[in-house]
C-alpha cells in the first residue's frame, strides 16, 4: 500500500488515499474525507512505483 497526499478537487483541503500498487492501472471513485464529494481517481504504477495520479471532480 502507498499513501498519497493531495488536495481535494472540490474543497481544496489536503487529504490522502491509500493506493494499492499490486494493480498497475486503476480508475475508481472515492469520497473526500472532508467534504464527502465523489472523486474520480486514476492511478498508474510502474515497477511498484507511482508513475501517474489524477484526482478529478466526478464527470469532469
PDB file of N, CA and C in Angstrom:
ATOM      1  N   UNK A   1       0.846  -1.183   0.000  1.00  0.00           N
ATOM      2  CA  UNK A   1       0.000   0.000   0.000  1.00  0.00           C
ATOM      3  C   UNK A   1       0.891   1.246   0.000  1.00  0.00           C
ATOM      4  N   UNK A   2       0.366   2.282  -0.578  1.00  0.00           N
ATOM      5  CA  UNK A   2       1.112   3.513  -0.769  1.00  0.00           C
ATOM      6  C   UNK A   2       0.192   4.669  -0.393  1.00  0.00           C
ATOM      7  N   UNK A   3       0.579   5.506   0.559  1.00  0.00           N
ATOM      8  CA  UNK A   3      -0.241   6.645   0.944  1.00  0.00           C
ATOM      9  C   UNK A   3       0.153   7.851   0.095  1.00  0.00           C
ATOM     10  N   UNK A   4      -0.851   8.439  -0.568  1.00  0.00           N
ATOM     11  CA  UNK A   4      -0.602   9.586  -1.450  1.00  0.00           C
ATOM     12  C   UNK A   4      -1.399  10.791  -0.951  1.00  0.00           C
ATOM     13  N   UNK A   5      -0.731  11.904  -0.758  1.00  0.00           N
ATOM     14  CA  UNK A   5      -1.344  13.143  -0.277  1.00  0.00           C
ATOM     15  C   UNK A   5      -1.609  14.078  -1.453  1.00  0.00           C
ATOM     16  N   UNK A   6      -2.769  14.739  -1.431  1.00  0.00           N
ATOM     17  CA  UNK A   6      -3.144  15.674  -2.496  1.00  0.00           C
ATOM     18  C   UNK A   6      -4.260  16.567  -1.976  1.00  0.00           C
ATOM     19  N   UNK A   7      -4.674  17.552  -2.773  1.00  0.00           N
ATOM     20  CA  UNK A   7      -5.778  18.437  -2.401  1.00  0.00           C
ATOM     21  C   UNK A   7      -7.050  17.989  -3.103  1.00  0.00           C
ATOM     22  N   UNK A   8      -8.154  17.964  -2.352  1.00  0.00           N
ATOM     23  CA  UNK A   8      -9.452  17.604  -2.915  1.00  0.00           C
ATOM     24  C   UNK A   8      -9.793  18.590  -4.036  1.00  0.00           C
ATOM     25  N   UNK A   9     -10.288  18.087  -5.190  1.00  0.00           N
ATOM     26  CA  UNK A   9     -10.657  18.990  -6.284  1.00  0.00           C
ATOM     27  C   UNK A   9     -11.930  19.795  -6.015  1.00  0.00           C
ATOM     28  N   UNK A  10     -12.659  19.490  -4.966  1.00  0.00           N
ATOM     29  CA  UNK A  10     -13.875  20.238  -4.602  1.00  0.00           C
ATOM     30  C   UNK A  10     -13.577  21.299  -3.539  1.00  0.00           C
ATOM     31  N   UNK A  11     -13.072  20.858  -2.385  1.00  0.00           N
ATOM     32  CA  UNK A  11     -12.907  21.769  -1.237  1.00  0.00           C
ATOM     33  C   UNK A  11     -11.463  22.237  -1.064  1.00  0.00           C
ATOM     34  N   UNK A  12     -10.530  21.662  -1.809  1.00  0.00           N
ATOM     35  CA  UNK A  12      -9.111  22.016  -1.803  1.00  0.00           C
ATOM     36  C   UNK A  12      -8.407  21.735  -0.470  1.00  0.00           C
ATOM     37  N   UNK A  13      -9.049  20.971   0.411  1.00  0.00           N
ATOM     38  CA  UNK A  13      -8.409  20.580   1.668  1.00  0.00           C
ATOM     39  C   UNK A  13      -7.397  19.466   1.382  1.00  0.00           C
ATOM     40  N   UNK A  14      -6.286  19.448   2.107  1.00  0.00           N
ATOM     41  CA  UNK A  14      -5.322  18.357   1.929  1.00  0.00           C
ATOM     42  C   UNK A  14      -5.885  17.054   2.509  1.00  0.00           C
ATOM     43  N   UNK A  15      -5.840  15.993   1.697  1.00  0.00           N
ATOM     44  CA  UNK A  15      -6.302  14.671   2.121  1.00  0.00           C
ATOM     45  C   UNK A  15      -5.317  13.626   1.605  1.00  0.00           C
ATOM     46  N   UNK A  16      -5.516  12.383   1.980  1.00  0.00           N
ATOM     47  CA  UNK A  16      -4.682  11.301   1.456  1.00  0.00           C
ATOM     48  C   UNK A  16      -5.536  10.073   1.212  1.00  0.00           C
ATOM     49  N   UNK A  17      -5.130   9.266   0.245  1.00  0.00           N
ATOM     50  CA  UNK A  17      -5.747   7.985  -0.040  1.00  0.00           C
ATOM     51  C   UNK A  17      -4.660   6.923   0.023  1.00  0.00           C
ATOM     52  N   UNK A  18      -5.042   5.721   0.408  1.00  0.00           N
ATOM     53  CA  UNK A  18      -4.139   4.575   0.330  1.00  0.00           C
ATOM     54  C   UNK A  18      -4.303   3.948  -1.041  1.00  0.00           C
ATOM     55  N   UNK A  19      -3.194   3.790  -1.753  1.00  0.00           N
ATOM     56  CA  UNK A  19      -3.204   3.251  -3.102  1.00  0.00           C
ATOM     57  C   UNK A  19      -2.592   1.857  -3.099  1.00  0.00           C
ATOM     58  N   UNK A  20      -3.174   0.955  -3.878  1.00  0.00           N
ATOM     59  CA  UNK A  20      -2.713  -0.431  -3.972  1.00  0.00           C
ATOM     60  C   UNK A  20      -1.809  -0.574  -5.188  1.00  0.00           C
ATOM     61  N   UNK A  21      -0.526  -0.782  -4.961  1.00  0.00           N
ATOM     62  CA  UNK A  21       0.439  -0.871  -6.062  1.00  0.00           C
ATOM     63  C   UNK A  21       0.431  -2.234  -6.755  1.00  0.00           C
ATOM     64  N   UNK A  22      -0.385  -3.187  -6.295  1.00  0.00           N
ATOM     65  CA  UNK A  22      -0.427  -4.506  -6.927  1.00  0.00           C
ATOM     66  C   UNK A  22      -1.194  -4.494  -8.252  1.00  0.00           C
ATOM     67  N   UNK A  23      -1.940  -3.407  -8.519  1.00  0.00           N
ATOM     68  CA  UNK A  23      -2.664  -3.253  -9.788  1.00  0.00           C
ATOM     69  C   UNK A  23      -2.051  -2.055 -10.506  1.00  0.00           C
ATOM     70  N   UNK A  24      -1.489  -2.269 -11.705  1.00  0.00           N
ATOM     71  CA  UNK A  24      -0.706  -1.217 -12.352  1.00  0.00           C
ATOM     72  C   UNK A  24      -1.533  -0.038 -12.863  1.00  0.00           C
ATOM     73  N   UNK A  25      -2.760  -0.269 -13.336  1.00  0.00           N
ATOM     74  CA  UNK A  25      -3.620   0.811 -13.844  1.00  0.00           C
ATOM     75  C   UNK A  25      -4.983   0.703 -13.177  1.00  0.00           C
ATOM     76  N   UNK A  26      -5.421   1.787 -12.546  1.00  0.00           N
ATOM     77  CA  UNK A  26      -6.683   1.769 -11.813  1.00  0.00           C
ATOM     78  C   UNK A  26      -7.448   3.065 -12.034  1.00  0.00           C
ATOM     79  N   UNK A  27      -8.765   2.957 -12.093  1.00  0.00           N
ATOM     80  CA  UNK A  27      -9.653   4.114 -12.060  1.00  0.00           C
ATOM     81  C   UNK A  27     -10.808   3.738 -11.154  1.00  0.00           C
ATOM     82  N   UNK A  28     -11.084   4.582 -10.169  1.00  0.00           N
ATOM     83  CA  UNK A  28     -12.160   4.288  -9.224  1.00  0.00           C
ATOM     84  C   UNK A  28     -12.669   5.581  -8.601  1.00  0.00           C
ATOM     85  N   UNK A  29     -13.772   5.482  -7.862  1.00  0.00           N
ATOM     86  CA  UNK A  29     -14.401   6.621  -7.197  1.00  0.00           C
ATOM     87  C   UNK A  29     -14.213   6.463  -5.696  1.00  0.00           C
ATOM     88  N   UNK A  30     -13.760   7.516  -5.047  1.00  0.00           N
ATOM     89  CA  UNK A  30     -13.632   7.523  -3.593  1.00  0.00           C
ATOM     90  C   UNK A  30     -14.085   8.886  -3.087  1.00  0.00           C
ATOM     91  N   UNK A  31     -14.796   8.909  -1.973  1.00  0.00           N
ATOM     92  CA  UNK A  31     -15.300  10.167  -1.422  1.00  0.00           C
ATOM     93  C   UNK A  31     -14.226  10.910  -0.642  1.00  0.00           C
ATOM     94  N   UNK A  32     -14.253  12.239  -0.730  1.00  0.00           N
ATOM     95  CA  UNK A  32     -13.367  13.088   0.064  1.00  0.00           C
ATOM     96  C   UNK A  32     -13.719  12.898   1.541  1.00  0.00           C
ATOM     97  N   UNK A  33     -12.718  12.729   2.376  1.00  0.00           N
ATOM     98  CA  UNK A  33     -12.959  12.543   3.808  1.00  0.00           C
ATOM     99  C   UNK A  33     -13.350  13.842   4.508  1.00  0.00           C
ATOM    100  N   UNK A  34     -13.222  14.986   3.828  1.00  0.00           N
ATOM    101  CA  UNK A  34     -13.584  16.279   4.420  1.00  0.00           C
ATOM    102  C   UNK A  34     -14.982  16.713   3.963  1.00  0.00           C
ATOM    103  N   UNK A  35     -15.199  16.811   2.638  1.00  0.00           N
ATOM    104  CA  UNK A  35     -16.470  17.339   2.121  1.00  0.00           C
ATOM    105  C   UNK A  35     -17.421  16.260   1.603  1.00  0.00           C
ATOM    106  N   UNK A  36     -16.965  15.014   1.542  1.00  0.00           N
ATOM    107  CA  UNK A  36     -17.773  13.841   1.140  1.00  0.00           C
ATOM    108  C   UNK A  36     -18.168  13.818  -0.334  1.00  0.00           C
ATOM    109  N   UNK A  37     -17.619  14.690  -1.171  1.00  0.00           N
ATOM    110  CA  UNK A  37     -17.910  14.652  -2.598  1.00  0.00           C
ATOM    111  C   UNK A  37     -17.142  13.514  -3.260  1.00  0.00           C
ATOM    112  N   UNK A  38     -17.703  12.923  -4.342  1.00  0.00           N
ATOM    113  CA  UNK A  38     -17.037  11.805  -5.017  1.00  0.00           C
ATOM    114  C   UNK A  38     -15.893  12.281  -5.906  1.00  0.00           C
ATOM    115  N   UNK A  39     -14.741  11.648  -5.749  1.00  0.00           N
ATOM    116  CA  UNK A  39     -13.546  11.990  -6.518  1.00  0.00           C
ATOM    117  C   UNK A  39     -13.215  10.824  -7.434  1.00  0.00           C
ATOM    118  N   UNK A  40     -13.022  11.109  -8.730  1.00  0.00           N
ATOM    119  CA  UNK A  40     -12.583  10.089  -9.672  1.00  0.00           C
ATOM    120  C   UNK A  40     -11.056  10.042  -9.640  1.00  0.00           C
ATOM    121  N   UNK A  41     -10.530   8.908  -9.226  1.00  0.00           N
ATOM    122  CA  UNK A  41      -9.091   8.732  -9.050  1.00  0.00           C
ATOM    123  C   UNK A  41      -8.570   7.814 -10.150  1.00  0.00           C
ATOM    124  N   UNK A  42      -7.511   8.241 -10.828  1.00  0.00           N
ATOM    125  CA  UNK A  42      -6.820   7.411 -11.806  1.00  0.00           C
ATOM    126  C   UNK A  42      -5.370   7.287 -11.363  1.00  0.00           C
ATOM    127  N   UNK A  43      -4.905   6.042 -11.259  1.00  0.00           N
ATOM    128  CA  UNK A  43      -3.577   5.761 -10.711  1.00  0.00           C
ATOM    129  C   UNK A  43      -2.837   4.826 -11.649  1.00  0.00           C
ATOM    130  N   UNK A  44      -1.537   5.086 -11.844  1.00  0.00           N
ATOM    131  CA  UNK A  44      -0.673   4.209 -12.631  1.00  0.00           C
ATOM    132  C   UNK A  44       0.588   3.918 -11.824  1.00  0.00           C
ATOM    133  N   UNK A  45       0.945   2.641 -11.772  1.00  0.00           N
ATOM    134  CA  UNK A  45       2.190   2.216 -11.131  1.00  0.00           C
ATOM    135  C   UNK A  45       3.067   1.530 -12.160  1.00  0.00           C
ATOM    136  N   UNK A  46       4.364   1.768 -12.069  1.00  0.00           N
ATOM    137  CA  UNK A  46       5.351   1.060 -12.875  1.00  0.00           C
ATOM    138  C   UNK A  46       6.398   0.511 -11.926  1.00  0.00           C
ATOM    139  N   UNK A  47       6.556  -0.816 -11.933  1.00  0.00           N
ATOM    140  CA  UNK A  47       7.504  -1.495 -11.045  1.00  0.00           C
ATOM    141  C   UNK A  47       7.285  -1.087  -9.590  1.00  0.00           C
ATOM    142  N   UNK A  48       6.023  -1.096  -9.158  1.00  0.00           N
ATOM    143  CA  UNK A  48       5.604  -0.755  -7.790  1.00  0.00           C
ATOM    144  C   UNK A  48       5.890   0.680  -7.375  1.00  0.00           C
ATOM    145  N   UNK A  49       6.194   1.554  -8.324  1.00  0.00           N
ATOM    146  CA  UNK A  49       6.394   2.972  -8.050  1.00  0.00           C
ATOM    147  C   UNK A  49       5.273   3.768  -8.705  1.00  0.00           C
ATOM    148  N   UNK A  50       4.721   4.737  -7.982  1.00  0.00           N
ATOM    149  CA  UNK A  50       3.654   5.571  -8.520  1.00  0.00           C
ATOM    150  C   UNK A  50       4.193   6.397  -9.686  1.00  0.00           C
ATOM    151  N   UNK A  51       3.587   6.236 -10.863  1.00  0.00           N
ATOM    152  CA  UNK A  51       4.040   6.988 -12.041  1.00  0.00           C
ATOM    153  C   UNK A  51       2.988   7.969 -12.547  1.00  0.00           C
ATOM    154  N   UNK A  52       1.746   7.819 -12.097  1.00  0.00           N
ATOM    155  CA  UNK A  52       0.702   8.740 -12.511  1.00  0.00           C
ATOM    156  C   UNK A  52      -0.433   8.787 -11.502  1.00  0.00           C
ATOM    157  N   UNK A  53      -0.946   9.994 -11.241  1.00  0.00           N
ATOM    158  CA  UNK A  53      -2.055  10.147 -10.303  1.00  0.00           C
ATOM    159  C   UNK A  53      -2.871  11.360 -10.707  1.00  0.00           C
ATOM    160  N   UNK A  54      -4.180  11.169 -10.870  1.00  0.00           N
ATOM    161  CA  UNK A  54      -5.091  12.295 -11.061  1.00  0.00           C
ATOM    162  C   UNK A  54      -6.282  12.107 -10.131  1.00  0.00           C
ATOM    163  N   UNK A  55      -6.782  13.215  -9.622  1.00  0.00           N
ATOM    164  CA  UNK A  55      -7.971  13.239  -8.766  1.00  0.00           C
ATOM    165  C   UNK A  55      -8.842  14.361  -9.285  1.00  0.00           C
ATOM    166  N   UNK A  56     -10.004  14.016  -9.853  1.00  0.00           N
ATOM    167  CA  UNK A  56     -10.856  14.992 -10.502  1.00  0.00           C
ATOM    168  C   UNK A  56     -12.281  14.917  -9.976  1.00  0.00           C
ATOM    169  N   UNK A  57     -13.006  16.023 -10.155  1.00  0.00           N
ATOM    170  CA  UNK A  57     -14.433  16.013  -9.845  1.00  0.00           C
ATOM    171  C   UNK A  57     -15.091  14.958 -10.722  1.00  0.00           C
ATOM    172  N   UNK A  58     -16.047  14.249 -10.173  1.00  0.00           N
ATOM    173  CA  UNK A  58     -16.742  13.192 -10.917  1.00  0.00           C
ATOM    174  C   UNK A  58     -17.427  13.788 -12.142  1.00  0.00           C
ATOM    175  N   UNK A  59     -17.178  13.185 -13.307  1.00  0.00           N
ATOM    176  CA  UNK A  59     -17.796  13.645 -14.532  1.00  0.00           C
ATOM    177  C   UNK A  59     -17.047  14.752 -15.246  1.00  0.00           C
ATOM    178  N   UNK A  60     -15.885  15.125 -14.765  1.00  0.00           N
ATOM    179  CA  UNK A  60     -15.107  16.199 -15.415  1.00  0.00           C
ATOM    180  C   UNK A  60     -14.152  15.651 -16.430  1.00  0.00           C
TER     181      UNK A  60
END
